[in-house]
């Protein structure tokens, strides 16, 4: 992956066995560095494997400008990482492991068998063959006063002083898989600039559903809808009504601006288009047709195909008088306001925002406050929607941090 520019005597400790840590281990081991990788769980790649349940979405095939835009305000920081290792490079890397890929109808890229486990097995085999030593059930506890790393292991606490340390500890979501954010105070006490961990790609609560909606439609999917925030372009997709609110891929795509609106204003209002394929004037004309003795529910069904959870949500969120006014009801169907008051807990989120600020690292992803200590993956302060963007960012940052270690070693000579 890179020319050998490091002495075989160089030793790097990588803390964290997710995609970022494993990719850094590959870069370093192929350059002739001795690599020990430590992970607190009984096996590495646990979050990676769980993300693959239901189909391993490894990256996305959309054009680079659109791809980069998914990282929102962090795009300028992620851009150099992706330029060096973009979606095409990631696919080529997977192919070199003997795993073929295909592009789904949504543009998402998957391994041909849709599974994460064969990819991880092939990768770990290659890492071990290149000399990477993986230590599971080894949890990082911070530093000794003399700079030695403290590692809790089944045999007791270990101390080590590698030539460089690469931290790839994940964010704060899915703590049971190892990403618990316990590293935050360890870096804070060393003067590293951190942003609070917050849920990303998460569901949100409403003030409260009616008993009817909650009992009958909790768990029901809202398909073929569009969602927008005020003054934004709607996005098509689907989501799910929950007992406390709403979640699912379309909500996850909006989670960052929703979360920030709640942080600033105490609430966020999303606008749901229940019939994105129909213009408001056509809806209004259909609603204005005489319904005779038919109920409004049957009228909505016969004229617009609105029934089930969509019809229930319309009833839940629309003033009763609108149902006698085709103009107002048509507007509600196209922009149904739903007020969200709180993100679901961090540990329920798919990923997290916050962590090590980019201002705290240099161009090699080395911590300015701690020379020789590098960071990669989700513990850096960036976020992206599901769809392969999260994984691509983790792979790219792990590779960049590994190369950063090599550059730092080179500069020492």
Protein backbone atom coordinates (compact mmCIF):
# COMPACT_ATOMS: atom_id res chain seq x y z
CA UNK A 1 0.00 0.00 0.00
CA UNK A 2 2.98 2.29 0.58
CA UNK A 3 6.74 2.27 0.18
CA UNK A 4 8.72 1.02 3.14
CA UNK A 5 9.99 4.22 4.75
CA UNK A 6 10.05 3.08 8.38
CA UNK A 7 12.66 1.13 10.24
CA UNK A 8 11.65 -2.43 11.20
CA UNK A 9 12.59 -1.36 14.71
CA UNK A 10 9.72 1.11 14.84
CA UNK A 11 6.89 -0.08 17.02
CA UNK A 12 3.33 1.30 16.94
CA UNK A 13 0.48 0.51 19.32
CA UNK A 14 -2.97 0.85 17.79
CA UNK A 15 -5.85 1.12 20.22
CA UNK A 16 -9.12 0.01 18.65
CA UNK A 17 -9.92 -2.80 16.23
CA UNK A 18 -12.60 -1.27 14.03
CA UNK A 19 -12.17 -0.37 10.34
CA UNK A 20 -10.03 2.70 11.07
CA UNK A 21 -7.63 0.87 13.39
CA UNK A 22 -7.35 -2.15 11.12
CA UNK A 23 -6.70 0.02 8.06
CA UNK A 24 -3.97 1.90 9.92
CA UNK A 25 -2.47 -1.44 10.94
CA UNK A 26 -2.38 -2.50 7.30
CA UNK A 27 -0.63 0.69 6.16
CA UNK A 28 1.97 0.46 8.93
CA UNK A 29 2.67 -3.27 8.72
CA UNK A 30 3.14 -3.11 4.95
CA UNK A 31 5.69 -0.36 5.53
CA UNK A 32 7.74 -2.62 7.81
CA UNK A 33 6.53 -1.28 11.15
CA UNK A 34 5.96 -3.64 14.07
CA UNK A 35 2.29 -3.29 14.97
CA UNK A 36 0.45 -4.38 18.08
CA UNK A 37 -3.29 -3.74 17.98
CA UNK A 38 -5.30 -3.71 21.22
CA UNK A 39 -9.07 -4.00 21.52
CA UNK A 40 -11.17 -4.23 24.66
CA UNK A 41 -13.70 -6.66 23.19
CA UNK A 42 -13.30 -10.44 22.81
CA UNK A 43 -12.91 -9.98 19.04
CA UNK A 44 -12.24 -7.10 16.67
CA UNK A 45 -14.61 -5.52 14.19
CA UNK A 46 -17.77 -6.07 16.23
CA UNK A 47 -19.53 -2.87 15.20
CA UNK A 48 -18.45 -3.50 11.61
CA UNK A 49 -20.06 -6.94 11.72
CA UNK A 50 -23.27 -5.64 13.26
CA UNK A 51 -23.47 -2.90 10.63
CA UNK A 52 -23.42 -5.69 8.06
CA UNK A 53 -26.52 -7.41 9.44
CA UNK A 54 -29.14 -7.12 6.74
CA UNK A 55 -26.57 -6.26 4.07
CA UNK A 56 -23.01 -4.91 4.28
CA UNK A 57 -23.24 -1.44 2.73
CA UNK A 58 -19.55 -0.67 2.31
CA UNK A 59 -19.64 2.64 0.38
CA UNK A 60 -21.65 4.61 -2.18
CA UNK A 61 -21.20 5.03 -5.94
CA UNK A 62 -22.40 8.61 -6.33
CA UNK A 63 -20.14 11.22 -7.92
CA UNK A 64 -17.43 12.72 -5.71
CA UNK A 65 -18.93 16.23 -5.23
CA UNK A 66 -22.23 14.78 -3.99
CA UNK A 67 -20.37 12.14 -1.93
CA UNK A 68 -18.24 14.79 -0.21
CA UNK A 69 -21.28 16.96 0.51
CA UNK A 70 -22.62 14.21 2.79
CA UNK A 71 -20.04 15.24 5.39
CA UNK A 72 -21.67 18.70 5.63
CA UNK A 73 -19.58 21.27 7.54
CA UNK A 74 -16.78 18.74 8.03
CA UNK A 75 -16.38 18.22 4.29
CA UNK A 76 -13.25 20.45 4.13
CA UNK A 77 -11.57 18.26 6.76
CA UNK A 78 -12.68 14.96 5.21
CA UNK A 79 -11.85 16.02 1.61
CA UNK A 80 -8.09 15.35 1.76
CA UNK A 81 -8.73 11.93 3.30
CA UNK A 82 -11.21 10.99 0.55
CA UNK A 83 -9.05 12.37 -2.24
CA UNK A 84 -6.36 9.92 -1.13
CA UNK A 85 -8.75 7.00 -0.61
CA UNK A 86 -12.18 7.45 -2.17
CA UNK A 87 -15.06 5.05 -2.80
CA UNK A 88 -13.41 3.63 -5.94
CA UNK A 89 -10.15 3.03 -4.08
CA UNK A 90 -12.06 1.33 -1.27
CA UNK A 91 -13.80 -0.97 -3.75
CA UNK A 92 -10.49 -1.82 -5.39
CA UNK A 93 -9.03 -2.61 -1.97
CA UNK A 94 -11.96 -4.95 -1.25
CA UNK A 95 -11.49 -6.66 -4.62
CA UNK A 96 -7.83 -7.28 -3.72
CA UNK A 97 -9.07 -9.19 -0.68
CA UNK A 98 -10.93 -11.49 -3.05
CA UNK A 99 -14.36 -10.00 -2.32
CA UNK A 100 -16.44 -8.83 -5.28
CA UNK A 101 -18.90 -5.94 -5.03
CA UNK A 102 -22.00 -4.68 -6.79
CA UNK A 103 -23.92 -1.41 -6.92
CA UNK A 104 -27.52 -1.57 -5.72
CA UNK A 105 -30.44 0.34 -7.18
CA UNK A 106 -29.94 3.10 -4.60
CA UNK A 107 -26.30 3.56 -5.61
CA UNK A 108 -25.05 1.86 -2.46
CA UNK A 109 -22.16 -0.57 -2.85
CA UNK A 110 -22.29 -4.04 -1.28
CA UNK A 111 -20.12 -7.18 -1.24
CA UNK A 112 -21.67 -9.69 -3.65
CA UNK A 113 -22.78 -11.96 -0.80
CA UNK A 114 -24.01 -8.93 1.22
CA UNK A 115 -22.04 -10.13 4.25
CA UNK A 116 -19.39 -8.47 6.41
CA UNK A 117 -17.88 -11.60 7.98
CA UNK A 118 -16.06 -12.99 4.88
CA UNK A 119 -14.51 -9.57 4.22
CA UNK A 120 -13.33 -9.25 7.82
CA UNK A 121 -11.93 -12.80 7.84
CA UNK A 122 -9.93 -12.21 4.66
CA UNK A 123 -8.66 -8.91 5.99
CA UNK A 124 -7.57 -10.28 9.37
CA UNK A 125 -5.78 -13.14 7.63
CA UNK A 126 -3.81 -10.64 5.54
CA UNK A 127 -3.01 -8.49 8.58
CA UNK A 128 -1.73 -11.43 10.57
CA UNK A 129 0.36 -12.60 7.63
CA UNK A 130 1.93 -9.13 7.48
CA UNK A 131 2.92 -9.41 11.14
CA UNK A 132 0.16 -7.47 12.93
CA UNK A 133 -0.35 -8.89 16.43
CA UNK A 134 -3.92 -8.49 17.68
CA UNK A 135 -4.58 -8.45 21.42
CA UNK A 136 -8.26 -8.80 22.36
CA UNK A 137 -9.71 -8.16 25.83
CA UNK A 138 -7.07 -5.48 26.25
CA UNK A 139 -8.51 -2.13 27.31
CA UNK A 140 -6.57 1.14 27.20
CA UNK A 141 -6.53 2.96 30.55
CA UNK A 142 -4.53 6.06 29.60
CA UNK A 143 -0.96 7.02 30.36
CA UNK A 144 1.47 6.75 33.22
CA UNK A 145 3.18 9.94 34.39
CA UNK A 146 6.29 8.85 32.44
CA UNK A 147 4.30 8.52 29.21
CA UNK A 148 3.89 4.75 29.21
CA UNK A 149 0.58 3.36 28.00
CA UNK A 150 -1.55 1.55 30.57
CA UNK A 151 -3.36 -1.49 29.17
CA UNK A 152 -5.73 -3.64 31.21
CA UNK A 153 -5.47 -7.28 30.12
CA UNK A 154 -6.67 -10.68 31.35
CA UNK A 155 -3.21 -11.09 32.91
CA UNK A 156 -3.38 -7.76 34.72
CA UNK A 157 -2.24 -4.25 33.84
CA UNK A 158 0.50 -3.93 31.24
CA UNK A 159 2.76 -0.95 30.54
CA UNK A 160 4.34 -0.21 27.19
CA UNK A 161 6.19 2.61 25.47
CA UNK A 162 5.81 2.29 21.68
CA UNK A 163 7.38 4.75 19.24
CA UNK A 164 3.92 6.02 18.30
CA UNK A 165 0.32 5.47 19.37
CA UNK A 166 -2.67 5.46 17.05
CA UNK A 167 -6.07 5.81 18.69
CA UNK A 168 -9.08 4.47 16.79
CA UNK A 169 -11.53 4.03 19.63
CA UNK A 170 -14.80 4.86 17.90
CA UNK A 171 -17.39 7.32 19.11
CA UNK A 172 -19.96 6.87 21.83
CA UNK A 173 -22.71 4.79 20.26
CA UNK A 174 -23.30 1.05 20.72
CA UNK A 175 -21.28 0.81 23.92
CA UNK A 176 -21.88 -2.93 24.15
CA UNK A 177 -19.72 -3.31 21.02
CA UNK A 178 -16.87 -1.27 22.48
CA UNK A 179 -17.60 2.32 21.36
CA UNK A 180 -18.38 3.79 24.77
CA UNK A 181 -16.56 7.14 24.66
CA UNK A 182 -14.59 6.28 27.81
CA UNK A 183 -11.50 7.75 26.15
CA UNK A 184 -12.90 11.31 26.28
CA UNK A 185 -11.70 12.17 29.83
CA UNK A 186 -8.35 10.49 29.17
CA UNK A 187 -7.69 12.93 26.32
CA UNK A 188 -9.31 15.91 28.04
CA UNK A 189 -6.91 15.65 30.97
CA UNK A 190 -4.05 15.81 28.48
CA UNK A 191 -5.30 19.10 27.03
CA UNK A 192 -6.84 17.75 23.82
CA UNK A 193 -9.65 19.92 22.43
CA UNK A 194 -12.86 17.87 22.37
CA UNK A 195 -16.46 18.43 21.29
CA UNK A 196 -19.16 16.67 23.36
CA UNK A 197 -20.35 13.35 21.95
CA UNK A 198 -23.89 13.54 20.58
CA UNK A 199 -26.16 11.02 18.83
CA UNK A 200 -26.05 10.92 15.04
CA UNK A 201 -28.06 8.77 12.63
CA UNK A 202 -30.62 8.49 15.38
CA UNK A 203 -34.32 8.58 16.04
CA UNK A 204 -36.19 11.42 17.74
CA UNK A 205 -39.02 11.75 20.23
CA UNK A 206 -42.21 13.74 19.82
CA UNK A 207 -44.09 15.37 22.70
CA UNK A 208 -46.41 12.38 22.68
CA UNK A 209 -48.48 10.36 20.23
CA UNK A 210 -52.14 9.70 20.85
CA UNK A 211 -52.86 6.30 22.36
CA UNK A 212 -54.54 5.27 19.11
CA UNK A 213 -51.53 6.07 16.94
CA UNK A 214 -49.05 4.54 19.37
CA UNK A 215 -50.98 1.33 19.95
CA UNK A 216 -51.92 0.73 16.34
CA UNK A 217 -49.00 2.07 14.33
CA UNK A 218 -45.81 1.91 16.45
CA UNK A 219 -43.36 0.02 14.25
CA UNK A 220 -45.23 0.83 11.03
CA UNK A 221 -43.11 2.01 8.09
CA UNK A 222 -43.84 5.31 6.35
CA UNK A 223 -42.86 4.50 2.77
CA UNK A 224 -42.61 6.69 -0.33
CA UNK A 225 -42.55 9.98 1.51
CA UNK A 226 -40.32 13.05 1.50
CA UNK A 227 -39.08 15.03 4.48
CA UNK A 228 -37.74 18.57 4.62
CA UNK A 229 -36.80 21.11 7.24
CA UNK A 230 -37.77 24.76 6.82
CA UNK A 231 -36.13 26.31 3.75
CA UNK A 232 -34.51 23.04 2.66
CA UNK A 233 -34.87 20.68 -0.29
CA UNK A 234 -37.01 17.62 0.53
CA UNK A 235 -35.41 14.19 0.52
CA UNK A 236 -37.24 11.06 -0.58
CA UNK A 237 -37.17 7.83 1.39
CA UNK A 238 -38.84 6.04 4.25
CA UNK A 239 -38.87 5.95 8.02
CA UNK A 240 -40.71 4.26 10.88
CA UNK A 241 -43.17 5.45 13.50
CA UNK A 242 -42.03 4.41 16.99
CA UNK A 243 -43.82 4.38 20.34
CA UNK A 244 -42.07 7.62 21.27
CA UNK A 245 -41.48 9.30 17.92
CA UNK A 246 -39.89 8.54 14.59
CA UNK A 247 -36.72 6.87 13.27
CA UNK A 248 -35.32 5.20 10.15
CA UNK A 249 -33.08 6.03 7.19
CA UNK A 250 -34.83 9.21 6.08
CA UNK A 251 -34.77 10.61 9.61
CA UNK A 252 -31.13 9.59 10.00
CA UNK A 253 -30.28 11.58 6.88
CA UNK A 254 -31.66 14.69 8.59
CA UNK A 255 -30.40 13.88 12.08
CA UNK A 256 -27.61 16.47 12.24
CA UNK A 257 -29.72 19.55 11.41
CA UNK A 258 -32.63 18.23 13.50
CA UNK A 259 -30.31 17.73 16.48
CA UNK A 260 -28.76 21.18 16.11
CA UNK A 261 -32.20 22.84 15.85
CA UNK A 262 -33.24 21.09 19.07
CA UNK A 263 -29.97 22.16 20.74
CA UNK A 264 -30.57 25.79 19.78
CA UNK A 265 -34.36 26.11 20.01
CA UNK A 266 -35.51 23.20 22.15
CA UNK A 267 -37.41 21.64 19.25
CA UNK A 268 -37.29 21.02 15.51
CA UNK A 269 -40.14 20.85 13.01
CA UNK A 270 -39.90 18.54 10.03
CA UNK A 271 -42.30 18.75 7.10
CA UNK A 272 -43.55 15.41 5.79
CA UNK A 273 -44.81 15.12 2.22
CA UNK A 274 -47.13 12.11 2.27
CA UNK A 275 -47.55 12.12 -1.53
CA UNK A 276 -44.29 13.37 -3.07
CA UNK A 277 -45.35 12.20 -6.54
CA UNK A 278 -48.45 14.40 -6.65
CA UNK A 279 -48.51 18.22 -6.91
CA UNK A 280 -50.65 20.12 -4.45
CA UNK A 281 -53.16 21.31 -7.07
CA UNK A 282 -53.91 17.73 -8.17
CA UNK A 283 -54.38 16.69 -4.54
CA UNK A 284 -56.68 19.62 -3.93
CA UNK A 285 -58.75 18.76 -7.01
CA UNK A 286 -59.09 15.14 -5.91
CA UNK A 287 -60.16 16.16 -2.41
CA UNK A 288 -62.73 18.60 -3.80
CA UNK A 289 -64.61 15.86 -5.62
CA UNK A 290 -67.98 15.03 -4.03
CA UNK A 291 -67.69 12.14 -1.58
CA UNK A 292 -71.40 11.60 -1.06
CA UNK A 293 -72.07 9.28 1.85
CA UNK A 294 -68.49 7.98 1.97
CA UNK A 295 -66.42 8.71 5.05
CA UNK A 296 -63.40 10.98 4.78
CA UNK A 297 -61.19 7.94 5.34
CA UNK A 298 -62.69 6.20 2.33
CA UNK A 299 -62.51 9.41 0.31
CA UNK A 300 -58.78 9.77 1.05
CA UNK A 301 -58.25 6.15 0.11
CA UNK A 302 -60.24 6.19 -3.13
CA UNK A 303 -59.00 9.54 -4.40
CA UNK A 304 -55.40 9.57 -3.22
CA UNK A 305 -54.55 6.09 -1.96
CA UNK A 306 -53.97 7.52 1.51
CA UNK A 307 -54.69 4.98 4.22
CA UNK A 308 -53.05 3.08 7.05
CA UNK A 309 -50.27 4.87 8.89
CA UNK A 310 -50.23 7.81 6.44
CA UNK A 311 -53.91 8.52 7.00
CA UNK A 312 -53.47 8.07 10.76
CA UNK A 313 -50.54 10.50 10.82
CA UNK A 314 -52.56 13.02 8.81
CA UNK A 315 -55.38 12.77 11.38
CA UNK A 316 -52.88 13.03 14.24
CA UNK A 317 -51.18 16.21 13.05
CA UNK A 318 -53.89 18.12 11.21
CA UNK A 319 -56.60 20.35 12.77
CA UNK A 320 -60.05 18.78 12.41
CA UNK A 321 -61.42 21.75 10.45
CA UNK A 322 -58.88 21.16 7.64
CA UNK A 323 -60.76 18.00 6.66
CA UNK A 324 -63.62 20.22 5.48
CA UNK A 325 -61.28 22.46 3.47
CA UNK A 326 -59.64 20.79 0.41
CA UNK A 327 -57.12 23.62 0.06
CA UNK A 328 -55.84 23.40 3.64
CA UNK A 329 -55.92 19.60 3.67
CA UNK A 330 -53.97 19.41 0.41
CA UNK A 331 -51.30 21.72 1.89
CA UNK A 332 -51.14 19.54 5.00
CA UNK A 333 -50.67 16.39 2.93
CA UNK A 334 -47.74 18.03 1.11
CA UNK A 335 -46.13 19.58 4.22
CA UNK A 336 -47.34 17.87 7.38
CA UNK A 337 -45.52 19.49 10.33
CA UNK A 338 -44.15 17.15 12.98
CA UNK A 339 -42.45 18.67 16.02
CA UNK A 340 -39.47 16.73 17.42
CA UNK A 341 -38.29 17.53 20.93
CA UNK A 342 -35.39 15.21 21.75
CA UNK A 343 -32.89 12.86 20.14
CA UNK A 344 -32.94 9.27 21.31
CA UNK A 345 -30.10 8.35 23.70
CA UNK A 346 -26.55 8.22 22.37
CA UNK A 347 -26.23 4.50 22.99
CA UNK A 348 -29.20 3.85 20.65
CA UNK A 349 -27.67 5.89 17.83
CA UNK A 350 -25.96 4.28 14.85
CA UNK A 351 -23.07 6.72 15.17
CA UNK A 352 -22.03 9.81 17.09
CA UNK A 353 -20.96 13.37 16.40
CA UNK A 354 -18.33 15.14 18.47
CA UNK A 355 -15.01 13.86 19.73
CA UNK A 356 -11.52 15.06 18.87
CA UNK A 357 -11.78 18.44 17.13
CA UNK A 358 -9.94 18.71 13.81
CA UNK A 359 -8.30 21.83 15.22
CA UNK A 360 -6.61 19.53 17.76
CA UNK A 361 -4.78 17.49 15.08
CA UNK A 362 -2.27 18.39 12.38
CA UNK A 363 -2.35 17.40 8.70
CA UNK A 364 -1.11 13.92 9.67
CA UNK A 365 -3.96 13.47 12.21
CA UNK A 366 -1.44 13.72 15.03
CA UNK A 367 -2.63 15.37 18.24
CA UNK A 368 -0.93 18.74 18.61
CA UNK A 369 -0.99 18.39 22.39
CA UNK A 370 0.53 14.89 22.28
CA UNK A 371 3.29 14.42 19.68
CA UNK A 372 3.44 10.83 18.49
CA UNK A 373 -0.24 10.18 19.23
CA UNK A 374 -2.57 9.96 16.22
CA UNK A 375 -6.36 9.68 15.91
CA UNK A 376 -8.59 8.08 13.29
CA UNK A 377 -12.15 7.01 12.67
CA UNK A 378 -15.31 8.01 14.44
CA UNK A 379 -13.52 9.44 17.47
CA UNK A 380 -12.73 12.47 15.30
CA UNK A 381 -15.43 15.14 15.24
CA UNK A 382 -17.26 14.39 11.99
CA UNK A 383 -20.48 12.67 11.04
CA UNK A 384 -22.15 11.35 7.91
CA UNK A 385 -25.41 9.65 7.04
CA UNK A 386 -25.78 5.92 6.59
CA UNK A 387 -25.34 4.66 3.04
CA UNK A 388 -21.64 3.78 3.14
CA UNK A 389 -20.39 7.27 3.99
CA UNK A 390 -19.58 6.45 7.61
CA UNK A 391 -17.51 3.40 6.72
CA UNK A 392 -15.71 5.15 3.87
CA UNK A 393 -14.74 7.96 6.23
CA UNK A 394 -13.44 5.49 8.80
CA UNK A 395 -11.37 3.58 6.25
CA UNK A 396 -9.99 6.79 4.72
CA UNK A 397 -9.07 8.33 8.07
CA UNK A 398 -7.42 5.12 9.27
CA UNK A 399 -5.30 5.03 6.14
CA UNK A 400 -4.44 8.73 6.51
CA UNK A 401 -3.44 8.33 10.15
CA UNK A 402 -1.26 5.32 9.31
CA UNK A 403 0.49 7.32 6.61
CA UNK A 404 0.73 10.19 9.07
CA UNK A 405 2.68 7.98 11.48
CA UNK A 406 5.06 7.03 8.69
CA UNK A 407 5.58 10.69 7.75
CA UNK A 408 6.28 11.53 11.37
CA UNK A 409 8.84 8.72 11.65
CA UNK A 410 10.51 9.95 8.49
CA UNK A 411 10.70 13.49 9.86
CA UNK A 412 12.48 12.23 12.98
CA UNK A 413 15.50 11.15 10.92
